[in-house]
Structure formats: C-alpha cells, structure tokens
C-alpha cells in the first residue's frame, strides 16, 4: 500500500498497525522529494512572486501578448502581509531573489504565449 494512502486511512481513524506495510520501493520513493528543491533562503521571494503573479504588466500586439514584468505597486504591502523581513539589508536581499523568480516567471509566460500564438497561426 502506498504511504500516502496509509496516511489517509490513519487520518480517517484506522489504526496504522492494522494496515498493510508499504512496499520497500514505495517507502524509498516517499523518502525522496519529488522534483527540484528550492533553497530555504529563496522561499520568501518565491512566496512574494506567487502572491503577485496576477499583477502582470503586458503589451498586446499583432503577435499576441508580451509580458513585461510584475507591477511593483503592491510589492511592499504584499511583503508586509507575508511577514517578510523589512529591514533595509534584508529587503535588498529578498528583492534580488524576487527578481530572479520574476525573470523565470516571465520566461515561462512568454514561452507559453509564443507557443499559443504559433499554434493559432498554424505554424
């Protein structure tokens, strides 16, 4: 039985000792984190970028939409709401990390937009 399924049964009140033991391969897979892991010091910047992901600046033209970046108008307020450290030095550090996240988000958004535009043009 998969470890996640065992956990679900336990949450429902089934005693763990009455459930079948997970297979060794399933235990090994559950011990490994899925996909790449984000360094702990970048968590705040990613949380901020995700909170602002709907605040995009974009231009539209005949080739479709081009995303330029995130609107920084709510940056400080959102950072306070997320309880990110607001000291001058700490703010500079997480802001640089935030910009790295923003650049990667823009790359993904604009790549997807280009793919959609190419499909629509029959290319």
C-alpha atoms as a PDB file:
ATOM      1  CA  UNK A   1       0.000   0.000   0.000  1.00  0.00           C
ATOM      2  CA  UNK A   2       1.284   3.488  -0.870  1.00  0.00           C
ATOM      3  CA  UNK A   3       2.441   5.599   2.108  1.00  0.00           C
ATOM      4  CA  UNK A   4       0.060   8.424   1.181  1.00  0.00           C
ATOM      5  CA  UNK A   5      -2.877   6.009   1.215  1.00  0.00           C
ATOM      6  CA  UNK A   6      -1.812   4.649   4.599  1.00  0.00           C
ATOM      7  CA  UNK A   7      -1.696   8.212   5.941  1.00  0.00           C
ATOM      8  CA  UNK A   8      -5.209   8.868   4.615  1.00  0.00           C
ATOM      9  CA  UNK A   9      -6.557   5.771   6.365  1.00  0.00           C
ATOM     10  CA  UNK A  10      -4.845   6.797   9.612  1.00  0.00           C
ATOM     11  CA  UNK A  11      -6.425  10.274   9.366  1.00  0.00           C
ATOM     12  CA  UNK A  12      -9.782   8.546   8.997  1.00  0.00           C
ATOM     13  CA  UNK A  13      -9.177   6.686  12.264  1.00  0.00           C
ATOM     14  CA  UNK A  14      -7.888   3.305  11.063  1.00  0.00           C
ATOM     15  CA  UNK A  15      -5.050   2.120  13.327  1.00  0.00           C
ATOM     16  CA  UNK A  16      -1.761   2.137  11.400  1.00  0.00           C
ATOM     17  CA  UNK A  17      -0.772  -1.313  12.685  1.00  0.00           C
ATOM     18  CA  UNK A  18      -3.834  -2.869  11.036  1.00  0.00           C
ATOM     19  CA  UNK A  19      -2.874  -1.604   7.583  1.00  0.00           C
ATOM     20  CA  UNK A  20      -0.507  -3.429   5.201  1.00  0.00           C
ATOM     21  CA  UNK A  21       3.085  -2.215   5.215  1.00  0.00           C
ATOM     22  CA  UNK A  22       4.217  -0.205   2.174  1.00  0.00           C
ATOM     23  CA  UNK A  23       6.479  -1.969  -0.294  1.00  0.00           C
ATOM     24  CA  UNK A  24      10.222  -1.124   0.020  1.00  0.00           C
ATOM     25  CA  UNK A  25      10.189   0.674  -3.355  1.00  0.00           C
ATOM     26  CA  UNK A  26       7.234   2.805  -2.261  1.00  0.00           C
ATOM     27  CA  UNK A  27       8.997   3.700   1.013  1.00  0.00           C
ATOM     28  CA  UNK A  28      12.138   4.720  -0.890  1.00  0.00           C
ATOM     29  CA  UNK A  29      10.132   6.839  -3.349  1.00  0.00           C
ATOM     30  CA  UNK A  30       8.265   8.535  -0.498  1.00  0.00           C
ATOM     31  CA  UNK A  31      11.559   9.402   1.218  1.00  0.00           C
ATOM     32  CA  UNK A  32      12.832  11.250  -1.863  1.00  0.00           C
ATOM     33  CA  UNK A  33      11.406  14.705  -2.534  1.00  0.00           C
ATOM     34  CA  UNK A  34       9.674  14.987  -5.906  1.00  0.00           C
ATOM     35  CA  UNK A  35      11.356  17.320  -8.385  1.00  0.00           C
ATOM     36  CA  UNK A  36      13.938  20.008  -7.729  1.00  0.00           C
ATOM     37  CA  UNK A  37      14.002  21.543  -4.282  1.00  0.00           C
ATOM     38  CA  UNK A  38      14.120  25.287  -3.680  1.00  0.00           C
ATOM     39  CA  UNK A  39      16.774  26.554  -1.278  1.00  0.00           C
ATOM     40  CA  UNK A  40      15.226  27.650   2.004  1.00  0.00           C
ATOM     41  CA  UNK A  41      16.526  31.236   1.744  1.00  0.00           C
ATOM     42  CA  UNK A  42      14.523  31.664  -1.504  1.00  0.00           C
ATOM     43  CA  UNK A  43      11.140  30.661  -0.049  1.00  0.00           C
ATOM     44  CA  UNK A  44      10.129  34.230   0.861  1.00  0.00           C
ATOM     45  CA  UNK A  45      10.975  35.558  -2.592  1.00  0.00           C
ATOM     46  CA  UNK A  46       9.005  32.791  -4.274  1.00  0.00           C
ATOM     47  CA  UNK A  47       6.030  33.339  -1.954  1.00  0.00           C
ATOM     48  CA  UNK A  48       6.107  37.038  -2.866  1.00  0.00           C
ATOM     49  CA  UNK A  49       6.371  36.328  -6.608  1.00  0.00           C
ATOM     50  CA  UNK A  50       3.476  33.864  -6.422  1.00  0.00           C
ATOM     51  CA  UNK A  51       1.359  36.345  -4.458  1.00  0.00           C
ATOM     52  CA  UNK A  52       1.958  38.999  -7.140  1.00  0.00           C
ATOM     53  CA  UNK A  53       1.637  36.691 -10.164  1.00  0.00           C
ATOM     54  CA  UNK A  54      -1.710  38.186 -11.172  1.00  0.00           C
ATOM     55  CA  UNK A  55      -0.252  41.713 -11.192  1.00  0.00           C
ATOM     56  CA  UNK A  56       1.347  41.455 -14.637  1.00  0.00           C
ATOM     57  CA  UNK A  57       2.396  44.273 -16.916  1.00  0.00           C
ATOM     58  CA  UNK A  58       1.905  43.319 -20.526  1.00  0.00           C
ATOM     59  CA  UNK A  59       1.584  44.750 -24.008  1.00  0.00           C
ATOM     60  CA  UNK A  60      -0.591  43.328 -26.744  1.00  0.00           C
ATOM     61  CA  UNK A  61       0.204  43.475 -30.406  1.00  0.00           C
ATOM     62  CA  UNK A  62      -0.420  41.578 -33.592  1.00  0.00           C
ATOM     63  CA  UNK A  63       1.905  38.817 -32.403  1.00  0.00           C
ATOM     64  CA  UNK A  64      -0.023  38.343 -29.163  1.00  0.00           C
ATOM     65  CA  UNK A  65       0.681  39.344 -25.598  1.00  0.00           C
ATOM     66  CA  UNK A  66       4.182  40.050 -24.310  1.00  0.00           C
ATOM     67  CA  UNK A  67       4.591  40.027 -20.544  1.00  0.00           C
ATOM     68  CA  UNK A  68       6.993  42.740 -19.364  1.00  0.00           C
ATOM     69  CA  UNK A  69       7.091  42.065 -15.649  1.00  0.00           C
ATOM     70  CA  UNK A  70       5.144  42.303 -12.446  1.00  0.00           C
ATOM     71  CA  UNK A  71       3.571  45.521 -11.228  1.00  0.00           C
ATOM     72  CA  UNK A  72       5.605  46.589  -8.199  1.00  0.00           C
ATOM     73  CA  UNK A  73       2.902  48.898  -6.804  1.00  0.00           C
ATOM     74  CA  UNK A  74       1.767  46.257  -4.277  1.00  0.00           C
ATOM     75  CA  UNK A  75       5.214  44.827  -3.624  1.00  0.00           C
ATOM     76  CA  UNK A  76       5.880  46.381  -0.210  1.00  0.00           C
ATOM     77  CA  UNK A  77       2.366  45.861   1.097  1.00  0.00           C
ATOM     78  CA  UNK A  78       2.310  42.241  -0.041  1.00  0.00           C
ATOM     79  CA  UNK A  79       5.744  41.660   1.516  1.00  0.00           C
ATOM     80  CA  UNK A  80       4.419  43.005   4.829  1.00  0.00           C
ATOM     81  CA  UNK A  81       1.306  40.819   4.561  1.00  0.00           C
ATOM     82  CA  UNK A  82       3.571  37.791   4.025  1.00  0.00           C
ATOM     83  CA  UNK A  83       5.636  38.961   7.017  1.00  0.00           C
ATOM     84  CA  UNK A  84       8.886  39.090   5.056  1.00  0.00           C
ATOM     85  CA  UNK A  85      11.781  40.804   6.862  1.00  0.00           C
ATOM     86  CA  UNK A  86      11.583  44.506   6.094  1.00  0.00           C
ATOM     87  CA  UNK A  87      14.976  45.755   7.325  1.00  0.00           C
ATOM     88  CA  UNK A  88      16.883  47.617   4.610  1.00  0.00           C
ATOM     89  CA  UNK A  89      19.571  44.974   4.068  1.00  0.00           C
ATOM     90  CA  UNK A  90      17.171  42.019   4.293  1.00  0.00           C
ATOM     91  CA  UNK A  91      14.752  43.757   1.933  1.00  0.00           C
ATOM     92  CA  UNK A  92      17.509  44.238  -0.651  1.00  0.00           C
ATOM     93  CA  UNK A  93      18.421  40.550  -0.471  1.00  0.00           C
ATOM     94  CA  UNK A  94      14.894  39.166  -0.845  1.00  0.00           C
ATOM     95  CA  UNK A  95      14.132  41.752  -3.533  1.00  0.00           C
ATOM     96  CA  UNK A  96      17.075  40.459  -5.627  1.00  0.00           C
ATOM     97  CA  UNK A  97      15.812  36.905  -5.093  1.00  0.00           C
ATOM     98  CA  UNK A  98      12.300  38.052  -6.035  1.00  0.00           C
ATOM     99  CA  UNK A  99      13.622  39.491  -9.298  1.00  0.00           C
ATOM    100  CA  UNK A 100      15.211  36.145 -10.161  1.00  0.00           C
ATOM    101  CA  UNK A 101      11.831  34.477  -9.624  1.00  0.00           C
ATOM    102  CA  UNK A 102      10.158  37.169 -11.723  1.00  0.00           C
ATOM    103  CA  UNK A 103      12.562  36.662 -14.642  1.00  0.00           C
ATOM    104  CA  UNK A 104      11.878  32.927 -14.622  1.00  0.00           C
ATOM    105  CA  UNK A 105       8.113  33.504 -14.451  1.00  0.00           C
ATOM    106  CA  UNK A 106       8.352  35.879 -17.432  1.00  0.00           C
ATOM    107  CA  UNK A 107      10.337  33.314 -19.394  1.00  0.00           C
ATOM    108  CA  UNK A 108       7.666  30.678 -18.789  1.00  0.00           C
ATOM    109  CA  UNK A 109       4.725  33.021 -19.507  1.00  0.00           C
ATOM    110  CA  UNK A 110       6.234  34.409 -22.713  1.00  0.00           C
ATOM    111  CA  UNK A 111       7.274  30.937 -23.943  1.00  0.00           C
ATOM    112  CA  UNK A 112       3.729  29.672 -23.403  1.00  0.00           C
ATOM    113  CA  UNK A 113       2.303  32.749 -25.102  1.00  0.00           C
ATOM    114  CA  UNK A 114       4.593  32.228 -28.119  1.00  0.00           C
ATOM    115  CA  UNK A 115       3.538  28.563 -28.348  1.00  0.00           C
ATOM    116  CA  UNK A 116      -0.146  29.569 -28.310  1.00  0.00           C
ATOM    117  CA  UNK A 117       0.467  32.236 -30.960  1.00  0.00           C
ATOM    118  CA  UNK A 118       2.350  29.758 -33.153  1.00  0.00           C
ATOM    119  CA  UNK A 119      -0.457  27.197 -32.845  1.00  0.00           C
ATOM    120  CA  UNK A 120      -3.035  29.817 -33.744  1.00  0.00           C
ATOM    121  CA  UNK A 121      -1.040  30.838 -36.803  1.00  0.00           C
ATOM    122  CA  UNK A 122      -0.872  27.213 -37.962  1.00  0.00           C
ATOM    123  CA  UNK A 123       2.918  27.047 -37.745  1.00  0.00           C
END
